[in-house]
N, C-alpha and C. Protein backbone atom coordinates (compact mmCIF):
# COMPACT_ATOMS: atom_id res chain seq x y z
N MET A 1 -16.70 -6.48 6.49
CA MET A 1 -15.63 -7.43 6.27
C MET A 1 -16.14 -8.83 6.52
N ASP A 2 -15.83 -9.72 5.64
CA ASP A 2 -16.20 -11.11 5.75
C ASP A 2 -14.97 -11.87 6.26
N GLN A 3 -15.09 -12.63 7.32
CA GLN A 3 -13.95 -13.36 7.86
C GLN A 3 -13.48 -14.42 6.88
N GLY A 4 -12.16 -14.65 6.84
CA GLY A 4 -11.56 -15.53 5.85
C GLY A 4 -11.47 -16.98 6.26
N SER A 5 -12.11 -17.41 7.32
CA SER A 5 -12.02 -18.80 7.74
C SER A 5 -12.90 -19.68 6.87
N GLY A 6 -12.57 -20.95 6.85
CA GLY A 6 -13.40 -21.91 6.15
C GLY A 6 -13.42 -21.72 4.65
N GLY A 7 -12.37 -21.10 4.09
CA GLY A 7 -12.27 -20.95 2.64
C GLY A 7 -13.09 -19.79 2.10
N GLY A 8 -13.74 -19.01 2.98
CA GLY A 8 -14.52 -17.87 2.53
C GLY A 8 -13.63 -16.71 2.13
N ARG A 9 -14.25 -15.70 1.65
CA ARG A 9 -13.54 -14.49 1.23
C ARG A 9 -12.96 -13.80 2.46
N GLY A 10 -11.73 -13.33 2.36
CA GLY A 10 -11.07 -12.65 3.47
C GLY A 10 -11.38 -11.17 3.48
N MET A 11 -10.45 -10.42 3.99
CA MET A 11 -10.59 -8.97 4.10
C MET A 11 -10.56 -8.34 2.71
N THR A 12 -11.38 -7.33 2.49
CA THR A 12 -11.41 -6.64 1.20
C THR A 12 -11.24 -5.14 1.42
N ALA A 13 -10.60 -4.50 0.46
CA ALA A 13 -10.38 -3.06 0.53
C ALA A 13 -11.71 -2.33 0.45
N GLU A 14 -11.84 -1.29 1.23
CA GLU A 14 -13.02 -0.43 1.22
C GLU A 14 -12.55 1.01 1.03
N ARG A 15 -13.44 1.85 0.60
CA ARG A 15 -13.15 3.28 0.46
C ARG A 15 -12.78 3.85 1.83
N ILE A 16 -11.70 4.64 1.86
CA ILE A 16 -11.25 5.28 3.09
C ILE A 16 -11.12 6.77 2.83
N GLU A 17 -11.70 7.58 3.70
CA GLU A 17 -11.58 9.03 3.59
C GLU A 17 -10.51 9.53 4.55
N ALA A 18 -9.57 10.28 4.05
CA ALA A 18 -8.54 10.93 4.84
C ALA A 18 -8.74 12.44 4.68
N PRO A 19 -8.07 13.25 5.48
CA PRO A 19 -8.32 14.69 5.39
C PRO A 19 -8.22 15.29 3.99
N ARG A 20 -7.18 14.94 3.23
CA ARG A 20 -7.00 15.52 1.90
C ARG A 20 -7.14 14.51 0.77
N LEU A 21 -7.28 13.24 1.13
CA LEU A 21 -7.28 12.17 0.14
C LEU A 21 -8.49 11.26 0.31
N THR A 22 -8.90 10.68 -0.81
CA THR A 22 -9.84 9.57 -0.80
C THR A 22 -9.08 8.37 -1.32
N LEU A 23 -9.10 7.29 -0.56
CA LEU A 23 -8.45 6.05 -0.96
C LEU A 23 -9.55 5.14 -1.49
N THR A 24 -9.47 4.82 -2.77
CA THR A 24 -10.49 3.98 -3.38
C THR A 24 -9.88 2.63 -3.77
N PRO A 25 -10.63 1.54 -3.59
CA PRO A 25 -10.10 0.24 -4.00
C PRO A 25 -9.70 0.26 -5.47
N LEU A 26 -8.55 -0.27 -5.75
CA LEU A 26 -7.97 -0.29 -7.09
C LEU A 26 -8.84 -1.06 -8.07
N THR A 27 -8.94 -0.52 -9.30
CA THR A 27 -9.62 -1.20 -10.40
C THR A 27 -8.70 -1.16 -11.63
N VAL A 28 -8.99 -1.98 -12.60
CA VAL A 28 -8.20 -1.98 -13.84
C VAL A 28 -8.24 -0.60 -14.49
N GLU A 29 -9.39 0.07 -14.42
CA GLU A 29 -9.53 1.39 -15.05
C GLU A 29 -8.59 2.43 -14.44
N ASP A 30 -8.16 2.22 -13.18
CA ASP A 30 -7.23 3.17 -12.55
C ASP A 30 -5.88 3.22 -13.25
N ALA A 31 -5.55 2.20 -14.01
CA ALA A 31 -4.28 2.19 -14.73
C ALA A 31 -4.14 3.40 -15.64
N ASP A 32 -5.24 3.83 -16.24
CA ASP A 32 -5.19 4.98 -17.14
C ASP A 32 -4.66 6.23 -16.43
N ASP A 33 -5.07 6.45 -15.18
CA ASP A 33 -4.59 7.59 -14.41
C ASP A 33 -3.22 7.33 -13.81
N MET A 34 -2.97 6.10 -13.41
CA MET A 34 -1.75 5.80 -12.68
C MET A 34 -0.51 5.66 -13.55
N VAL A 35 -0.67 5.36 -14.83
CA VAL A 35 0.51 5.20 -15.68
C VAL A 35 1.36 6.47 -15.69
N GLY A 36 0.73 7.63 -15.67
CA GLY A 36 1.47 8.88 -15.61
C GLY A 36 2.08 9.13 -14.24
N VAL A 37 1.34 8.78 -13.18
CA VAL A 37 1.84 8.95 -11.81
C VAL A 37 3.11 8.13 -11.61
N LEU A 38 3.16 6.95 -12.22
CA LEU A 38 4.28 6.02 -12.02
C LEU A 38 5.35 6.14 -13.10
N ALA A 39 5.30 7.20 -13.90
CA ALA A 39 6.17 7.31 -15.07
C ALA A 39 7.60 7.77 -14.78
N SER A 40 7.86 8.35 -13.64
CA SER A 40 9.19 8.90 -13.36
C SER A 40 10.18 7.80 -12.95
N GLU A 41 11.32 7.77 -13.62
CA GLU A 41 12.38 6.81 -13.29
C GLU A 41 12.83 6.97 -11.83
N GLU A 42 12.75 8.20 -11.29
CA GLU A 42 13.18 8.47 -9.92
C GLU A 42 12.43 7.62 -8.89
N LEU A 43 11.20 7.27 -9.17
CA LEU A 43 10.41 6.47 -8.24
C LEU A 43 11.04 5.12 -7.95
N TYR A 44 11.85 4.61 -8.84
CA TYR A 44 12.34 3.24 -8.76
C TYR A 44 13.75 3.15 -8.20
N ALA A 45 14.30 4.26 -7.73
CA ALA A 45 15.66 4.29 -7.21
C ALA A 45 15.84 3.31 -6.05
N PHE A 46 14.87 3.19 -5.18
CA PHE A 46 14.98 2.33 -4.01
C PHE A 46 14.19 1.03 -4.13
N ILE A 47 13.20 1.00 -5.00
CA ILE A 47 12.35 -0.19 -5.08
C ILE A 47 12.67 -1.07 -6.29
N GLY A 48 13.51 -0.57 -7.19
CA GLY A 48 13.87 -1.34 -8.36
C GLY A 48 12.81 -1.29 -9.44
N GLY A 49 13.13 -1.86 -10.58
CA GLY A 49 12.20 -1.87 -11.71
C GLY A 49 12.20 -0.55 -12.43
N GLY A 50 11.14 -0.30 -13.16
CA GLY A 50 11.01 0.92 -13.92
C GLY A 50 9.55 1.21 -14.21
N PRO A 51 9.29 2.32 -14.84
CA PRO A 51 7.90 2.71 -15.13
C PRO A 51 7.19 1.66 -15.99
N PRO A 52 5.98 1.28 -15.60
CA PRO A 52 5.23 0.30 -16.40
C PRO A 52 4.53 0.97 -17.58
N GLY A 53 4.35 0.21 -18.64
CA GLY A 53 3.51 0.66 -19.74
C GLY A 53 2.06 0.46 -19.36
N LEU A 54 1.16 1.08 -20.11
CA LEU A 54 -0.27 1.00 -19.80
C LEU A 54 -0.78 -0.44 -19.82
N GLY A 55 -0.41 -1.20 -20.83
CA GLY A 55 -0.87 -2.59 -20.92
C GLY A 55 -0.39 -3.43 -19.75
N ASP A 56 0.88 -3.27 -19.38
CA ASP A 56 1.42 -4.01 -18.24
C ASP A 56 0.73 -3.60 -16.95
N LEU A 57 0.46 -2.31 -16.79
CA LEU A 57 -0.18 -1.83 -15.58
C LEU A 57 -1.62 -2.34 -15.48
N ARG A 58 -2.32 -2.36 -16.60
CA ARG A 58 -3.68 -2.90 -16.61
C ARG A 58 -3.67 -4.38 -16.22
N ALA A 59 -2.73 -5.14 -16.77
CA ALA A 59 -2.64 -6.56 -16.45
C ALA A 59 -2.31 -6.76 -14.97
N ARG A 60 -1.41 -5.94 -14.45
CA ARG A 60 -1.06 -6.03 -13.02
C ARG A 60 -2.27 -5.70 -12.15
N TYR A 61 -2.97 -4.63 -12.49
CA TYR A 61 -4.15 -4.25 -11.71
C TYR A 61 -5.25 -5.30 -11.80
N ALA A 62 -5.36 -5.99 -12.93
CA ALA A 62 -6.34 -7.08 -13.04
C ALA A 62 -5.99 -8.21 -12.07
N ARG A 63 -4.69 -8.53 -11.97
CA ARG A 63 -4.27 -9.57 -11.02
C ARG A 63 -4.53 -9.13 -9.59
N LEU A 64 -4.11 -7.90 -9.27
CA LEU A 64 -4.29 -7.40 -7.90
C LEU A 64 -5.76 -7.23 -7.55
N GLY A 65 -6.58 -6.91 -8.54
CA GLY A 65 -7.99 -6.67 -8.31
C GLY A 65 -8.77 -7.90 -7.87
N THR A 66 -8.18 -9.08 -8.03
CA THR A 66 -8.84 -10.29 -7.54
C THR A 66 -8.94 -10.27 -6.03
N GLY A 67 -8.04 -9.53 -5.38
CA GLY A 67 -8.08 -9.39 -3.93
C GLY A 67 -7.45 -10.52 -3.15
N ARG A 68 -6.99 -11.56 -3.83
CA ARG A 68 -6.38 -12.70 -3.14
C ARG A 68 -5.26 -13.28 -3.98
N SER A 69 -4.27 -13.83 -3.28
CA SER A 69 -3.20 -14.54 -3.97
C SER A 69 -3.78 -15.82 -4.59
N PRO A 70 -3.13 -16.36 -5.62
CA PRO A 70 -3.66 -17.57 -6.27
C PRO A 70 -3.85 -18.75 -5.30
N ASP A 71 -2.99 -18.86 -4.28
CA ASP A 71 -3.13 -19.95 -3.31
C ASP A 71 -4.13 -19.64 -2.20
N GLY A 72 -4.68 -18.42 -2.19
CA GLY A 72 -5.69 -18.05 -1.21
C GLY A 72 -5.16 -17.72 0.17
N ARG A 73 -3.85 -17.68 0.34
CA ARG A 73 -3.27 -17.44 1.66
C ARG A 73 -3.10 -15.95 2.00
N GLN A 74 -3.21 -15.10 1.00
CA GLN A 74 -3.03 -13.67 1.22
C GLN A 74 -4.21 -12.90 0.66
N ASP A 75 -4.63 -11.90 1.43
CA ASP A 75 -5.59 -10.93 0.90
C ASP A 75 -4.77 -9.77 0.37
N TRP A 76 -5.05 -9.38 -0.87
CA TRP A 76 -4.34 -8.26 -1.50
C TRP A 76 -5.26 -7.06 -1.49
N LEU A 77 -4.93 -6.07 -0.66
CA LEU A 77 -5.73 -4.86 -0.55
C LEU A 77 -4.94 -3.72 -1.18
N ASN A 78 -5.51 -3.07 -2.15
CA ASN A 78 -4.84 -2.01 -2.88
C ASN A 78 -5.77 -0.83 -3.06
N TRP A 79 -5.21 0.34 -2.82
CA TRP A 79 -5.98 1.58 -2.95
C TRP A 79 -5.25 2.56 -3.85
N ILE A 80 -6.02 3.31 -4.61
CA ILE A 80 -5.52 4.46 -5.36
C ILE A 80 -5.76 5.69 -4.49
N LEU A 81 -4.75 6.54 -4.39
CA LEU A 81 -4.86 7.77 -3.62
C LEU A 81 -5.31 8.88 -4.55
N ARG A 82 -6.42 9.49 -4.23
CA ARG A 82 -6.93 10.60 -5.04
C ARG A 82 -7.13 11.82 -4.15
N ARG A 83 -6.67 12.96 -4.68
CA ARG A 83 -6.88 14.20 -3.93
C ARG A 83 -8.37 14.49 -3.87
N ARG A 84 -8.84 14.84 -2.70
CA ARG A 84 -10.27 15.14 -2.53
C ARG A 84 -10.66 16.38 -3.31
N GLN A 85 -9.76 17.34 -3.44
CA GLN A 85 -10.10 18.62 -4.09
C GLN A 85 -10.42 18.48 -5.56
N ASP A 86 -9.75 17.52 -6.25
CA ASP A 86 -9.97 17.42 -7.69
C ASP A 86 -10.03 15.99 -8.23
N GLY A 87 -9.91 14.99 -7.36
CA GLY A 87 -9.99 13.60 -7.79
C GLY A 87 -8.75 13.07 -8.49
N ARG A 88 -7.70 13.87 -8.54
CA ARG A 88 -6.48 13.47 -9.24
C ARG A 88 -5.74 12.36 -8.50
N ALA A 89 -5.36 11.31 -9.23
CA ALA A 89 -4.58 10.21 -8.65
C ALA A 89 -3.16 10.69 -8.38
N VAL A 90 -2.65 10.35 -7.18
CA VAL A 90 -1.29 10.76 -6.81
C VAL A 90 -0.43 9.60 -6.35
N GLY A 91 -1.01 8.42 -6.14
CA GLY A 91 -0.22 7.28 -5.68
C GLY A 91 -1.07 6.09 -5.30
N THR A 92 -0.43 5.15 -4.61
CA THR A 92 -1.09 3.93 -4.17
C THR A 92 -0.63 3.56 -2.77
N VAL A 93 -1.45 2.79 -2.10
CA VAL A 93 -1.07 2.10 -0.87
C VAL A 93 -1.57 0.68 -1.01
N GLN A 94 -0.75 -0.26 -0.53
CA GLN A 94 -1.18 -1.65 -0.57
C GLN A 94 -0.93 -2.29 0.78
N ALA A 95 -1.73 -3.30 1.08
CA ALA A 95 -1.55 -4.11 2.28
C ALA A 95 -1.76 -5.56 1.87
N THR A 96 -0.80 -6.39 2.20
CA THR A 96 -0.91 -7.82 1.99
C THR A 96 -1.19 -8.43 3.36
N VAL A 97 -2.38 -8.98 3.52
CA VAL A 97 -2.83 -9.47 4.82
C VAL A 97 -2.74 -10.99 4.84
N THR A 98 -2.11 -11.52 5.90
CA THR A 98 -1.90 -12.96 6.05
C THR A 98 -2.17 -13.38 7.49
N GLU A 99 -1.93 -14.66 7.73
CA GLU A 99 -2.04 -15.25 9.06
C GLU A 99 -3.40 -14.98 9.69
N GLY A 100 -4.43 -15.40 8.99
CA GLY A 100 -5.78 -15.26 9.53
C GLY A 100 -6.16 -13.81 9.79
N GLU A 101 -5.70 -12.92 8.92
CA GLU A 101 -6.02 -11.49 9.00
C GLU A 101 -5.42 -10.81 10.22
N ARG A 102 -4.32 -11.35 10.71
CA ARG A 102 -3.66 -10.78 11.88
C ARG A 102 -2.39 -9.99 11.53
N ARG A 103 -1.81 -10.22 10.35
CA ARG A 103 -0.56 -9.55 9.96
C ARG A 103 -0.74 -8.90 8.61
N ALA A 104 -0.21 -7.67 8.46
CA ALA A 104 -0.29 -6.97 7.18
C ALA A 104 1.05 -6.35 6.85
N GLU A 105 1.49 -6.57 5.64
CA GLU A 105 2.67 -5.92 5.07
C GLU A 105 2.15 -4.74 4.28
N VAL A 106 2.61 -3.54 4.60
CA VAL A 106 2.12 -2.34 3.93
C VAL A 106 3.22 -1.71 3.09
N ALA A 107 2.80 -1.02 2.02
CA ALA A 107 3.73 -0.31 1.14
C ALA A 107 2.97 0.85 0.51
N TRP A 108 3.72 1.88 0.12
CA TRP A 108 3.11 3.08 -0.45
C TRP A 108 4.01 3.63 -1.54
N VAL A 109 3.39 4.27 -2.51
CA VAL A 109 4.11 4.96 -3.59
C VAL A 109 3.33 6.23 -3.90
N VAL A 110 4.03 7.34 -3.92
CA VAL A 110 3.43 8.62 -4.33
C VAL A 110 4.27 9.15 -5.48
N GLY A 111 3.61 9.55 -6.55
CA GLY A 111 4.31 10.08 -7.72
C GLY A 111 5.22 11.24 -7.35
N THR A 112 6.32 11.36 -8.07
CA THR A 112 7.32 12.38 -7.73
C THR A 112 6.75 13.79 -7.74
N ALA A 113 5.78 14.07 -8.59
CA ALA A 113 5.19 15.41 -8.65
C ALA A 113 4.43 15.78 -7.38
N TRP A 114 4.06 14.77 -6.58
CA TRP A 114 3.24 15.01 -5.39
C TRP A 114 3.97 14.66 -4.09
N GLN A 115 5.26 14.33 -4.19
CA GLN A 115 6.02 14.00 -3.00
C GLN A 115 6.33 15.25 -2.18
N GLY A 116 6.59 15.04 -0.89
CA GLY A 116 6.94 16.13 -0.01
C GLY A 116 5.75 16.92 0.50
N ARG A 117 4.55 16.41 0.26
CA ARG A 117 3.32 17.11 0.70
C ARG A 117 2.58 16.37 1.81
N GLY A 118 3.16 15.27 2.28
CA GLY A 118 2.53 14.50 3.35
C GLY A 118 1.48 13.51 2.88
N TYR A 119 1.32 13.33 1.58
CA TYR A 119 0.31 12.40 1.08
C TYR A 119 0.60 10.95 1.48
N ALA A 120 1.86 10.54 1.41
CA ALA A 120 2.20 9.16 1.78
C ALA A 120 1.89 8.91 3.25
N SER A 121 2.26 9.83 4.12
CA SER A 121 1.98 9.66 5.55
C SER A 121 0.49 9.64 5.82
N GLU A 122 -0.25 10.53 5.16
CA GLU A 122 -1.70 10.59 5.36
C GLU A 122 -2.36 9.29 4.91
N ALA A 123 -1.98 8.81 3.73
CA ALA A 123 -2.60 7.61 3.19
C ALA A 123 -2.18 6.36 3.95
N ALA A 124 -0.89 6.21 4.22
CA ALA A 124 -0.42 5.04 4.96
C ALA A 124 -0.99 5.03 6.36
N GLY A 125 -1.11 6.20 6.98
CA GLY A 125 -1.71 6.30 8.30
C GLY A 125 -3.17 5.90 8.29
N ALA A 126 -3.91 6.32 7.28
CA ALA A 126 -5.33 5.96 7.17
C ALA A 126 -5.49 4.46 6.98
N VAL A 127 -4.64 3.86 6.16
CA VAL A 127 -4.71 2.41 5.95
C VAL A 127 -4.31 1.66 7.22
N ALA A 128 -3.26 2.12 7.89
CA ALA A 128 -2.84 1.47 9.14
C ALA A 128 -3.97 1.52 10.18
N GLU A 129 -4.61 2.66 10.30
CA GLU A 129 -5.73 2.80 11.24
C GLU A 129 -6.88 1.87 10.84
N TRP A 130 -7.18 1.82 9.55
CA TRP A 130 -8.24 0.95 9.03
C TRP A 130 -7.94 -0.51 9.36
N LEU A 131 -6.69 -0.93 9.13
CA LEU A 131 -6.29 -2.32 9.41
C LEU A 131 -6.36 -2.62 10.90
N ARG A 132 -5.85 -1.72 11.72
CA ARG A 132 -5.90 -1.93 13.17
C ARG A 132 -7.34 -2.05 13.66
N GLY A 133 -8.22 -1.26 13.07
CA GLY A 133 -9.63 -1.31 13.43
C GLY A 133 -10.32 -2.60 13.02
N ARG A 134 -9.68 -3.38 12.19
CA ARG A 134 -10.23 -4.67 11.74
C ARG A 134 -9.48 -5.84 12.37
N GLY A 135 -8.74 -5.55 13.44
CA GLY A 135 -8.10 -6.62 14.20
C GLY A 135 -6.70 -7.01 13.80
N VAL A 136 -6.12 -6.33 12.82
CA VAL A 136 -4.74 -6.65 12.46
C VAL A 136 -3.85 -6.23 13.62
N GLY A 137 -3.07 -7.16 14.12
CA GLY A 137 -2.24 -6.91 15.30
C GLY A 137 -0.77 -6.72 15.01
N LEU A 138 -0.36 -6.92 13.76
CA LEU A 138 1.05 -6.75 13.39
C LEU A 138 1.11 -6.08 12.02
N LEU A 139 1.71 -4.90 11.97
CA LEU A 139 1.94 -4.20 10.71
C LEU A 139 3.43 -4.21 10.43
N GLN A 140 3.79 -4.44 9.17
CA GLN A 140 5.18 -4.48 8.77
C GLN A 140 5.38 -3.73 7.47
N ALA A 141 6.61 -3.26 7.26
CA ALA A 141 7.01 -2.67 5.98
C ALA A 141 8.49 -2.98 5.80
N HIS A 142 8.89 -3.24 4.58
CA HIS A 142 10.30 -3.41 4.23
C HIS A 142 10.75 -2.14 3.52
N ILE A 143 11.79 -1.50 4.06
CA ILE A 143 12.21 -0.20 3.55
C ILE A 143 13.72 -0.19 3.32
N HIS A 144 14.11 0.28 2.14
CA HIS A 144 15.53 0.41 1.82
C HIS A 144 16.17 1.35 2.84
N PRO A 145 17.33 0.99 3.38
CA PRO A 145 17.95 1.81 4.43
C PRO A 145 18.36 3.21 3.98
N GLY A 146 18.38 3.48 2.68
CA GLY A 146 18.70 4.81 2.20
C GLY A 146 17.48 5.65 1.87
N HIS A 147 16.30 5.10 2.04
CA HIS A 147 15.07 5.79 1.66
C HIS A 147 14.52 6.56 2.86
N GLU A 148 15.06 7.73 3.09
CA GLU A 148 14.71 8.55 4.25
C GLU A 148 13.22 8.89 4.30
N ALA A 149 12.65 9.24 3.16
CA ALA A 149 11.23 9.63 3.14
C ALA A 149 10.34 8.48 3.60
N SER A 150 10.60 7.27 3.12
CA SER A 150 9.77 6.13 3.53
C SER A 150 9.99 5.77 4.99
N MET A 151 11.20 5.96 5.49
CA MET A 151 11.44 5.71 6.91
C MET A 151 10.64 6.69 7.77
N LYS A 152 10.54 7.93 7.33
CA LYS A 152 9.74 8.93 8.06
C LYS A 152 8.26 8.56 8.03
N VAL A 153 7.77 8.09 6.88
CA VAL A 153 6.38 7.66 6.79
C VAL A 153 6.14 6.51 7.77
N ALA A 154 7.02 5.52 7.74
CA ALA A 154 6.86 4.35 8.62
C ALA A 154 6.81 4.79 10.08
N ALA A 155 7.72 5.67 10.49
CA ALA A 155 7.74 6.15 11.87
C ALA A 155 6.45 6.89 12.21
N ARG A 156 5.95 7.70 11.28
CA ARG A 156 4.71 8.47 11.52
C ARG A 156 3.49 7.58 11.73
N ILE A 157 3.50 6.40 11.13
CA ILE A 157 2.34 5.51 11.30
C ILE A 157 2.56 4.50 12.41
N GLY A 158 3.64 4.68 13.18
CA GLY A 158 3.86 3.87 14.37
C GLY A 158 4.77 2.68 14.20
N LEU A 159 5.36 2.49 13.02
CA LEU A 159 6.28 1.39 12.82
C LEU A 159 7.66 1.78 13.35
N ARG A 160 8.40 0.78 13.83
CA ARG A 160 9.75 0.99 14.33
C ARG A 160 10.70 0.06 13.60
N PRO A 161 11.95 0.51 13.39
CA PRO A 161 12.90 -0.36 12.68
C PRO A 161 13.34 -1.54 13.54
N THR A 162 13.59 -2.66 12.88
CA THR A 162 14.14 -3.84 13.56
C THR A 162 15.57 -4.03 13.06
N ASP A 163 16.23 -5.04 13.54
CA ASP A 163 17.57 -5.39 13.08
C ASP A 163 17.53 -6.40 11.94
N LEU A 164 16.34 -6.73 11.46
CA LEU A 164 16.19 -7.72 10.40
C LEU A 164 16.20 -7.07 9.02
N PHE A 165 16.92 -7.70 8.10
CA PHE A 165 16.99 -7.23 6.72
C PHE A 165 16.60 -8.38 5.80
N GLU A 166 15.91 -8.05 4.72
CA GLU A 166 15.55 -9.03 3.70
C GLU A 166 15.72 -8.36 2.34
N ASP A 167 16.51 -8.98 1.48
CA ASP A 167 16.79 -8.42 0.16
C ASP A 167 17.27 -6.96 0.25
N GLY A 168 18.09 -6.67 1.26
CA GLY A 168 18.67 -5.34 1.41
C GLY A 168 17.76 -4.31 2.04
N GLU A 169 16.54 -4.71 2.44
CA GLU A 169 15.60 -3.77 3.04
C GLU A 169 15.41 -4.11 4.52
N ARG A 170 15.33 -3.05 5.33
CA ARG A 170 15.11 -3.23 6.77
C ARG A 170 13.63 -3.46 7.04
N LEU A 171 13.35 -4.40 7.94
CA LEU A 171 11.98 -4.64 8.37
C LEU A 171 11.62 -3.65 9.46
N TRP A 172 10.51 -2.97 9.25
CA TRP A 172 9.91 -2.08 10.24
C TRP A 172 8.64 -2.75 10.71
N HIS A 173 8.29 -2.56 11.99
CA HIS A 173 7.05 -3.19 12.45
C HIS A 173 6.40 -2.45 13.60
N TRP A 174 5.12 -2.74 13.75
CA TRP A 174 4.30 -2.32 14.88
C TRP A 174 3.52 -3.54 15.30
N GLU A 175 3.45 -3.77 16.61
CA GLU A 175 2.67 -4.90 17.11
C GLU A 175 1.79 -4.43 18.24
N ARG A 176 0.54 -4.89 18.19
CA ARG A 176 -0.43 -4.54 19.24
C ARG A 176 0.09 -5.07 20.56
N GLY A 177 0.06 -4.21 21.57
CA GLY A 177 0.59 -4.60 22.90
C GLY A 177 -0.39 -5.33 23.75
């Protein structure tokens, strides 16, 4: 990891091995596998929007693949979740790192065909551990109050609900003691 001070490159996503998953840094080419994973309308019940087309997903992944926001204030870390047994893509995890690499907003999506198998908890937990190991002292997630599965994932990775809401989503957080 290269420290982000002085205008240099900040934190960058690295390959992470979890028990059943390999988390690989997102590339434009991943859109080909992910367009099917993200195709179910059910995925968007709590997060809004709808399934992206391949061209839109490629363009989005190209933007995210830069690893930084246009103003340079955020590091954008994105991983594709692939099953170790067969390399099949099943979802994504992202972390937006700010405040001198001390705070990260995390989010996860697992395709409906692979939900209920613990993949989101495994992947989000691996990313949370990876971030904590690199000095991130505050992890946050915004979760719709009706999204029970995501609340369970957040709790499993050590986040706790707060009384703060933004755009209808509850802020969950963990802070280094």
